[in-house]
């Protein structure tokens, strides 16, 4: 019975025949160069958009706005006071629970107007 036990243990320890995996071929430039190029392109786009936003340039493809809020401050729980530029004029506007109210209207000097 020792030969039967030896044969069964030899069969159990032998490898199960599977199709061998194909050897990996080494690429001359490395496998990650495409991912590196894509990451660098995405990084360049993000940096460009952040720089445009930081210096106040409008977004690509956007038109300059006719209305811009220069400054706004809270006067009470539900009331705000805002300085709004519209078509070469500065308006002092109070707005709260009801309709906004124009408190003052003044022309803006051309040197004070923002560049579009």
C-alpha atoms as a PDB file:
ATOM      1  CA  UNK A   1       0.000   0.000   0.000  1.00  0.00           C
ATOM      2  CA  UNK A   2       2.894   2.284   0.192  1.00  0.00           C
ATOM      3  CA  UNK A   3       3.129   2.445  -3.588  1.00  0.00           C
ATOM      4  CA  UNK A   4      -0.509   3.513  -3.826  1.00  0.00           C
ATOM      5  CA  UNK A   5       0.003   6.207  -1.208  1.00  0.00           C
ATOM      6  CA  UNK A   6       3.149   7.386  -2.932  1.00  0.00           C
ATOM      7  CA  UNK A   7       1.395   7.501  -6.308  1.00  0.00           C
ATOM      8  CA  UNK A   8      -1.572   9.461  -4.915  1.00  0.00           C
ATOM      9  CA  UNK A   9       0.708  11.964  -3.160  1.00  0.00           C
ATOM     10  CA  UNK A  10       2.764  12.385  -6.345  1.00  0.00           C
ATOM     11  CA  UNK A  11      -0.405  13.028  -8.358  1.00  0.00           C
ATOM     12  CA  UNK A  12      -1.621  15.557  -5.783  1.00  0.00           C
ATOM     13  CA  UNK A  13       1.666  17.445  -5.758  1.00  0.00           C
ATOM     14  CA  UNK A  14       2.023  17.637  -9.553  1.00  0.00           C
ATOM     15  CA  UNK A  15       0.817  20.816 -11.204  1.00  0.00           C
ATOM     16  CA  UNK A  16      -2.499  20.836 -12.996  1.00  0.00           C
ATOM     17  CA  UNK A  17      -1.804  21.378 -16.689  1.00  0.00           C
ATOM     18  CA  UNK A  18      -3.082  24.808 -17.767  1.00  0.00           C
ATOM     19  CA  UNK A  19      -2.278  26.872 -20.800  1.00  0.00           C
ATOM     20  CA  UNK A  20       0.877  28.803 -19.920  1.00  0.00           C
ATOM     21  CA  UNK A  21       0.576  32.590 -19.844  1.00  0.00           C
ATOM     22  CA  UNK A  22       2.179  34.437 -22.724  1.00  0.00           C
ATOM     23  CA  UNK A  23       5.388  36.180 -21.678  1.00  0.00           C
ATOM     24  CA  UNK A  24       5.058  39.941 -21.292  1.00  0.00           C
ATOM     25  CA  UNK A  25       6.796  41.915 -23.988  1.00  0.00           C
ATOM     26  CA  UNK A  26       8.695  44.967 -22.879  1.00  0.00           C
ATOM     27  CA  UNK A  27       7.763  48.159 -24.717  1.00  0.00           C
ATOM     28  CA  UNK A  28      10.689  50.370 -25.705  1.00  0.00           C
ATOM     29  CA  UNK A  29       9.011  53.485 -24.216  1.00  0.00           C
ATOM     30  CA  UNK A  30       7.434  51.753 -21.244  1.00  0.00           C
ATOM     31  CA  UNK A  31       3.803  50.871 -20.664  1.00  0.00           C
ATOM     32  CA  UNK A  32       2.704  54.099 -18.955  1.00  0.00           C
ATOM     33  CA  UNK A  33       3.783  56.714 -21.502  1.00  0.00           C
ATOM     34  CA  UNK A  34       0.259  57.165 -22.922  1.00  0.00           C
ATOM     35  CA  UNK A  35      -1.161  57.703 -19.438  1.00  0.00           C
ATOM     36  CA  UNK A  36       1.623  60.183 -18.717  1.00  0.00           C
ATOM     37  CA  UNK A  37       0.847  62.203 -21.869  1.00  0.00           C
ATOM     38  CA  UNK A  38      -2.890  62.255 -21.058  1.00  0.00           C
ATOM     39  CA  UNK A  39      -2.218  63.356 -17.468  1.00  0.00           C
ATOM     40  CA  UNK A  40       0.090  66.138 -18.632  1.00  0.00           C
ATOM     41  CA  UNK A  41      -2.533  67.391 -21.120  1.00  0.00           C
ATOM     42  CA  UNK A  42      -5.238  67.433 -18.433  1.00  0.00           C
ATOM     43  CA  UNK A  43      -2.890  69.226 -16.050  1.00  0.00           C
ATOM     44  CA  UNK A  44      -2.080  71.875 -18.692  1.00  0.00           C
ATOM     45  CA  UNK A  45      -5.793  72.499 -19.330  1.00  0.00           C
ATOM     46  CA  UNK A  46      -6.561  72.826 -15.608  1.00  0.00           C
ATOM     47  CA  UNK A  47      -3.658  75.233 -15.038  1.00  0.00           C
ATOM     48  CA  UNK A  48      -4.745  77.360 -18.020  1.00  0.00           C
ATOM     49  CA  UNK A  49      -8.340  77.584 -16.778  1.00  0.00           C
ATOM     50  CA  UNK A  50      -7.254  78.431 -13.226  1.00  0.00           C
ATOM     51  CA  UNK A  51      -4.889  81.168 -14.449  1.00  0.00           C
ATOM     52  CA  UNK A  52      -7.650  82.706 -16.589  1.00  0.00           C
ATOM     53  CA  UNK A  53      -9.990  82.694 -13.607  1.00  0.00           C
ATOM     54  CA  UNK A  54      -7.344  84.111 -11.251  1.00  0.00           C
ATOM     55  CA  UNK A  55      -6.630  87.139 -13.455  1.00  0.00           C
ATOM     56  CA  UNK A  56     -10.323  87.750 -14.134  1.00  0.00           C
ATOM     57  CA  UNK A  57     -10.570  86.832 -17.790  1.00  0.00           C
ATOM     58  CA  UNK A  58     -13.957  85.616 -18.957  1.00  0.00           C
ATOM     59  CA  UNK A  59     -14.446  81.930 -19.627  1.00  0.00           C
ATOM     60  CA  UNK A  60     -13.691  80.655 -23.088  1.00  0.00           C
ATOM     61  CA  UNK A  61     -16.715  81.053 -25.347  1.00  0.00           C
ATOM     62  CA  UNK A  62     -18.578  83.297 -22.923  1.00  0.00           C
ATOM     63  CA  UNK A  63     -19.821  86.755 -23.743  1.00  0.00           C
ATOM     64  CA  UNK A  64     -19.139  89.701 -21.441  1.00  0.00           C
ATOM     65  CA  UNK A  65     -22.000  90.354 -19.062  1.00  0.00           C
ATOM     66  CA  UNK A  66     -24.006  93.541 -19.226  1.00  0.00           C
ATOM     67  CA  UNK A  67     -24.735  93.447 -15.478  1.00  0.00           C
ATOM     68  CA  UNK A  68     -22.056  92.994 -12.815  1.00  0.00           C
ATOM     69  CA  UNK A  69     -22.236  93.291  -9.039  1.00  0.00           C
ATOM     70  CA  UNK A  70     -19.337  95.456  -7.899  1.00  0.00           C
ATOM     71  CA  UNK A  71     -19.916  95.051  -4.177  1.00  0.00           C
ATOM     72  CA  UNK A  72     -22.640  93.762  -1.914  1.00  0.00           C
ATOM     73  CA  UNK A  73     -23.158  93.933   1.845  1.00  0.00           C
ATOM     74  CA  UNK A  74     -25.819  92.733   4.259  1.00  0.00           C
ATOM     75  CA  UNK A  75     -27.730  95.468   6.090  1.00  0.00           C
ATOM     76  CA  UNK A  76     -30.004  93.252   8.115  1.00  0.00           C
ATOM     77  CA  UNK A  77     -31.291  89.710   8.307  1.00  0.00           C
ATOM     78  CA  UNK A  78     -33.165  89.975   5.000  1.00  0.00           C
ATOM     79  CA  UNK A  79     -31.857  93.180   3.404  1.00  0.00           C
ATOM     80  CA  UNK A  80     -28.793  93.650   1.194  1.00  0.00           C
ATOM     81  CA  UNK A  81     -27.240  96.747  -0.332  1.00  0.00           C
ATOM     82  CA  UNK A  82     -25.456  96.257  -3.661  1.00  0.00           C
ATOM     83  CA  UNK A  83     -23.543  98.391  -6.143  1.00  0.00           C
ATOM     84  CA  UNK A  84     -24.422  97.173  -9.648  1.00  0.00           C
ATOM     85  CA  UNK A  85     -22.851  98.237 -12.972  1.00  0.00           C
ATOM     86  CA  UNK A  86     -25.173  98.247 -15.963  1.00  0.00           C
ATOM     87  CA  UNK A  87     -24.510  99.880 -19.369  1.00  0.00           C
ATOM     88  CA  UNK A  88     -22.020 102.446 -18.118  1.00  0.00           C
ATOM     89  CA  UNK A  89     -23.953 103.315 -14.966  1.00  0.00           C
ATOM     90  CA  UNK A  90     -23.554 102.393 -11.312  1.00  0.00           C
ATOM     91  CA  UNK A  91     -26.727 101.722  -9.399  1.00  0.00           C
ATOM     92  CA  UNK A  92     -27.059 101.529  -5.625  1.00  0.00           C
ATOM     93  CA  UNK A  93     -29.737  98.879  -5.088  1.00  0.00           C
ATOM     94  CA  UNK A  94     -31.414  97.743  -1.870  1.00  0.00           C
ATOM     95  CA  UNK A  95     -33.185  94.405  -1.998  1.00  0.00           C
ATOM     96  CA  UNK A  96     -34.948  92.364   0.618  1.00  0.00           C
ATOM     97  CA  UNK A  97     -38.291  90.591   0.945  1.00  0.00           C
ATOM     98  CA  UNK A  98     -39.950  92.781  -1.668  1.00  0.00           C
ATOM     99  CA  UNK A  99     -38.898  94.205  -5.024  1.00  0.00           C
ATOM    100  CA  UNK A 100     -35.434  95.756  -5.331  1.00  0.00           C
ATOM    101  CA  UNK A 101     -35.243  99.529  -4.953  1.00  0.00           C
ATOM    102  CA  UNK A 102     -32.767 101.768  -6.788  1.00  0.00           C
ATOM    103  CA  UNK A 103     -31.448 104.256  -4.251  1.00  0.00           C
ATOM    104  CA  UNK A 104     -28.906 106.046  -6.463  1.00  0.00           C
ATOM    105  CA  UNK A 105     -27.967 106.106 -10.156  1.00  0.00           C
ATOM    106  CA  UNK A 106     -24.671 107.544 -11.358  1.00  0.00           C
ATOM    107  CA  UNK A 107     -22.753 107.473 -14.644  1.00  0.00           C
ATOM    108  CA  UNK A 108     -19.392 105.721 -14.527  1.00  0.00           C
ATOM    109  CA  UNK A 109     -16.355 107.506 -15.951  1.00  0.00           C
ATOM    110  CA  UNK A 110     -14.820 105.639 -18.928  1.00  0.00           C
ATOM    111  CA  UNK A 111     -11.554 105.105 -17.019  1.00  0.00           C
ATOM    112  CA  UNK A 112     -13.442 103.301 -14.228  1.00  0.00           C
ATOM    113  CA  UNK A 113     -15.276 100.887 -16.549  1.00  0.00           C
ATOM    114  CA  UNK A 114     -13.975  97.314 -16.541  1.00  0.00           C
ATOM    115  CA  UNK A 115     -12.410  96.022 -19.742  1.00  0.00           C
ATOM    116  CA  UNK A 116     -14.573  93.310 -21.393  1.00  0.00           C
END
